[in-house]
C-alpha atoms as a PDB file:
ATOM      1  CA  UNK A   1     123.551 129.846  45.161  1.00  0.00           C
ATOM      2  CA  UNK A   2     125.151 133.253  44.524  1.00  0.00           C
ATOM      3  CA  UNK A   3     123.786 136.804  44.894  1.00  0.00           C
ATOM      4  CA  UNK A   4     120.396 137.586  43.301  1.00  0.00           C
ATOM      5  CA  UNK A   5     119.353 140.875  41.906  1.00  0.00           C
ATOM      6  CA  UNK A   6     115.739 142.045  41.409  1.00  0.00           C
ATOM      7  CA  UNK A   7     113.936 144.364  39.122  1.00  0.00           C
ATOM      8  CA  UNK A   8     110.674 145.495  40.771  1.00  0.00           C
ATOM      9  CA  UNK A   9     107.623 147.633  40.080  1.00  0.00           C
ATOM     10  CA  UNK A  10     105.758 149.450  42.812  1.00  0.00           C
ATOM     11  CA  UNK A  11     102.384 150.972  42.289  1.00  0.00           C
ATOM     12  CA  UNK A  12     100.444 153.640  44.413  1.00  0.00           C
ATOM     13  CA  UNK A  13      97.285 151.723  43.751  1.00  0.00           C
ATOM     14  CA  UNK A  14      95.744 149.657  40.873  1.00  0.00           C
ATOM     15  CA  UNK A  15      96.407 151.619  37.650  1.00  0.00           C
ATOM     16  CA  UNK A  16      98.064 154.345  39.806  1.00  0.00           C
ATOM     17  CA  UNK A  17     101.527 155.918  39.643  1.00  0.00           C
ATOM     18  CA  UNK A  18     104.361 153.376  39.029  1.00  0.00           C
ATOM     19  CA  UNK A  19     107.949 153.126  39.911  1.00  0.00           C
ATOM     20  CA  UNK A  20     110.633 150.787  38.585  1.00  0.00           C
ATOM     21  CA  UNK A  21     113.814 149.983  40.379  1.00  0.00           C
ATOM     22  CA  UNK A  22     116.620 147.457  40.687  1.00  0.00           C
ATOM     23  CA  UNK A  23     118.204 146.154  43.934  1.00  0.00           C
ATOM     24  CA  UNK A  24     120.031 143.235  45.522  1.00  0.00           C
ATOM     25  CA  UNK A  25     117.856 143.383  48.649  1.00  0.00           C
ATOM     26  CA  UNK A  26     114.220 143.429  47.573  1.00  0.00           C
ATOM     27  CA  UNK A  27     112.586 143.283  50.995  1.00  0.00           C
ATOM     28  CA  UNK A  28     114.892 146.008  52.343  1.00  0.00           C
ATOM     29  CA  UNK A  29     114.482 148.336  49.422  1.00  0.00           C
ATOM     30  CA  UNK A  30     110.689 148.020  49.286  1.00  0.00           C
ATOM     31  CA  UNK A  31     110.669 148.716  53.149  1.00  0.00           C
ATOM     32  CA  UNK A  32     112.502 151.950  52.504  1.00  0.00           C
ATOM     33  CA  UNK A  33     109.901 152.884  49.907  1.00  0.00           C
ATOM     34  CA  UNK A  34     107.042 151.876  52.141  1.00  0.00           C
ATOM     35  CA  UNK A  35     108.234 153.861  55.000  1.00  0.00           C
ATOM     36  CA  UNK A  36     109.151 156.800  52.873  1.00  0.00           C
ATOM     37  CA  UNK A  37     112.557 156.976  54.420  1.00  0.00           C
ATOM     38  CA  UNK A  38     114.158 158.643  51.367  1.00  0.00           C
ATOM     39  CA  UNK A  39     112.537 161.768  49.783  1.00  0.00           C
ATOM     40  CA  UNK A  40     111.655 161.347  46.082  1.00  0.00           C
ATOM     41  CA  UNK A  41     109.227 160.157  43.688  1.00  0.00           C
ATOM     42  CA  UNK A  42     107.869 157.131  45.688  1.00  0.00           C
ATOM     43  CA  UNK A  43     107.387 159.154  48.917  1.00  0.00           C
ATOM     44  CA  UNK A  44     105.894 162.052  46.991  1.00  0.00           C
ATOM     45  CA  UNK A  45     103.267 159.961  45.368  1.00  0.00           C
ATOM     46  CA  UNK A  46     102.968 157.229  48.096  1.00  0.00           C
ATOM     47  CA  UNK A  47     104.057 154.498  45.764  1.00  0.00           C
ATOM     48  CA  UNK A  48     104.303 151.613  48.267  1.00  0.00           C
ATOM     49  CA  UNK A  49     102.761 148.491  46.801  1.00  0.00           C
ATOM     50  CA  UNK A  50     105.075 145.850  45.312  1.00  0.00           C
ATOM     51  CA  UNK A  51     103.100 144.495  42.380  1.00  0.00           C
ATOM     52  CA  UNK A  52     105.752 142.846  40.222  1.00  0.00           C
ATOM     53  CA  UNK A  53     109.374 141.640  40.421  1.00  0.00           C
ATOM     54  CA  UNK A  54     111.926 139.566  38.512  1.00  0.00           C
ATOM     55  CA  UNK A  55     114.964 137.687  39.703  1.00  0.00           C
ATOM     56  CA  UNK A  56     118.331 137.826  38.104  1.00  0.00           C
ATOM     57  CA  UNK A  57     121.681 136.138  38.808  1.00  0.00           C
ATOM     58  CA  UNK A  58     123.794 138.938  37.711  1.00  0.00           C
ATOM     59  CA  UNK A  59     123.614 142.785  38.215  1.00  0.00           C
ATOM     60  CA  UNK A  60     124.392 143.620  34.650  1.00  0.00           C
ATOM     61  CA  UNK A  61     121.169 141.805  33.216  1.00  0.00           C
ATOM     62  CA  UNK A  62     119.122 143.224  35.913  1.00  0.00           C
ATOM     63  CA  UNK A  63     120.134 146.724  35.210  1.00  0.00           C
ATOM     64  CA  UNK A  64     119.632 146.217  31.465  1.00  0.00           C
ATOM     65  CA  UNK A  65     116.064 144.971  32.103  1.00  0.00           C
ATOM     66  CA  UNK A  66     115.278 147.950  34.409  1.00  0.00           C
ATOM     67  CA  UNK A  67     116.422 150.380  31.708  1.00  0.00           C
ATOM     68  CA  UNK A  68     114.354 148.607  29.099  1.00  0.00           C
ATOM     69  CA  UNK A  69     111.280 148.521  31.226  1.00  0.00           C
ATOM     70  CA  UNK A  70     111.591 152.258  32.038  1.00  0.00           C
ATOM     71  CA  UNK A  71     111.367 152.924  28.323  1.00  0.00           C
ATOM     72  CA  UNK A  72     108.239 150.880  27.818  1.00  0.00           C
ATOM     73  CA  UNK A  73     104.916 152.456  27.278  1.00  0.00           C
ATOM     74  CA  UNK A  74     102.652 152.640  30.302  1.00  0.00           C
ATOM     75  CA  UNK A  75     100.184 150.317  28.815  1.00  0.00           C
ATOM     76  CA  UNK A  76     102.947 147.569  28.389  1.00  0.00           C
ATOM     77  CA  UNK A  77     104.027 147.998  32.021  1.00  0.00           C
ATOM     78  CA  UNK A  78     100.374 147.473  33.070  1.00  0.00           C
ATOM     79  CA  UNK A  79     100.006 144.415  30.846  1.00  0.00           C
ATOM     80  CA  UNK A  80     103.250 143.017  32.382  1.00  0.00           C
ATOM     81  CA  UNK A  81     101.965 143.496  35.953  1.00  0.00           C
ATOM     82  CA  UNK A  82      98.501 142.019  35.108  1.00  0.00           C
ATOM     83  CA  UNK A  83     100.013 138.977  33.424  1.00  0.00           C
ATOM     84  CA  UNK A  84     101.655 138.001  36.668  1.00  0.00           C
ATOM     85  CA  UNK A  85      99.524 139.762  39.252  1.00  0.00           C
ATOM     86  CA  UNK A  86      96.044 140.352  37.750  1.00  0.00           C
ATOM     87  CA  UNK A  87      94.459 141.731  41.060  1.00  0.00           C
ATOM     88  CA  UNK A  88      97.526 143.847  41.683  1.00  0.00           C
ATOM     89  CA  UNK A  89      97.827 142.341  45.125  1.00  0.00           C
ATOM     90  CA  UNK A  90     100.795 143.830  47.273  1.00  0.00           C
ATOM     91  CA  UNK A  91     103.580 141.045  47.140  1.00  0.00           C
ATOM     92  CA  UNK A  92     105.520 142.716  49.907  1.00  0.00           C
ATOM     93  CA  UNK A  93     104.157 140.353  52.694  1.00  0.00           C
ATOM     94  CA  UNK A  94     105.215 137.308  50.619  1.00  0.00           C
ATOM     95  CA  UNK A  95     108.853 138.521  50.454  1.00  0.00           C
ATOM     96  CA  UNK A  96     109.296 140.399  53.769  1.00  0.00           C
ATOM     97  CA  UNK A  97     110.051 137.323  55.753  1.00  0.00           C
ATOM     98  CA  UNK A  98     112.495 135.870  53.220  1.00  0.00           C
END
């Protein structure tokens, strides 16, 4: 199995502020957001909850998906989250040990 890439959505709370990113280390990247180790949008608005992610086998497709999602209307992003995670449960504990 080769490297994996992840497109992820973080939320401050249910229906709160959202952040979309791409990474090859999902647990590590979400940890950085959660601990507010880097100043920016996620630390300013306390966007810490991993509510959605997708896995890709190549970086190019992951980056394309991230760019497309960022252009989506907010309602579409919320619908995407709620299709996979209707209660907006923080998924970080399920991937942190992985």
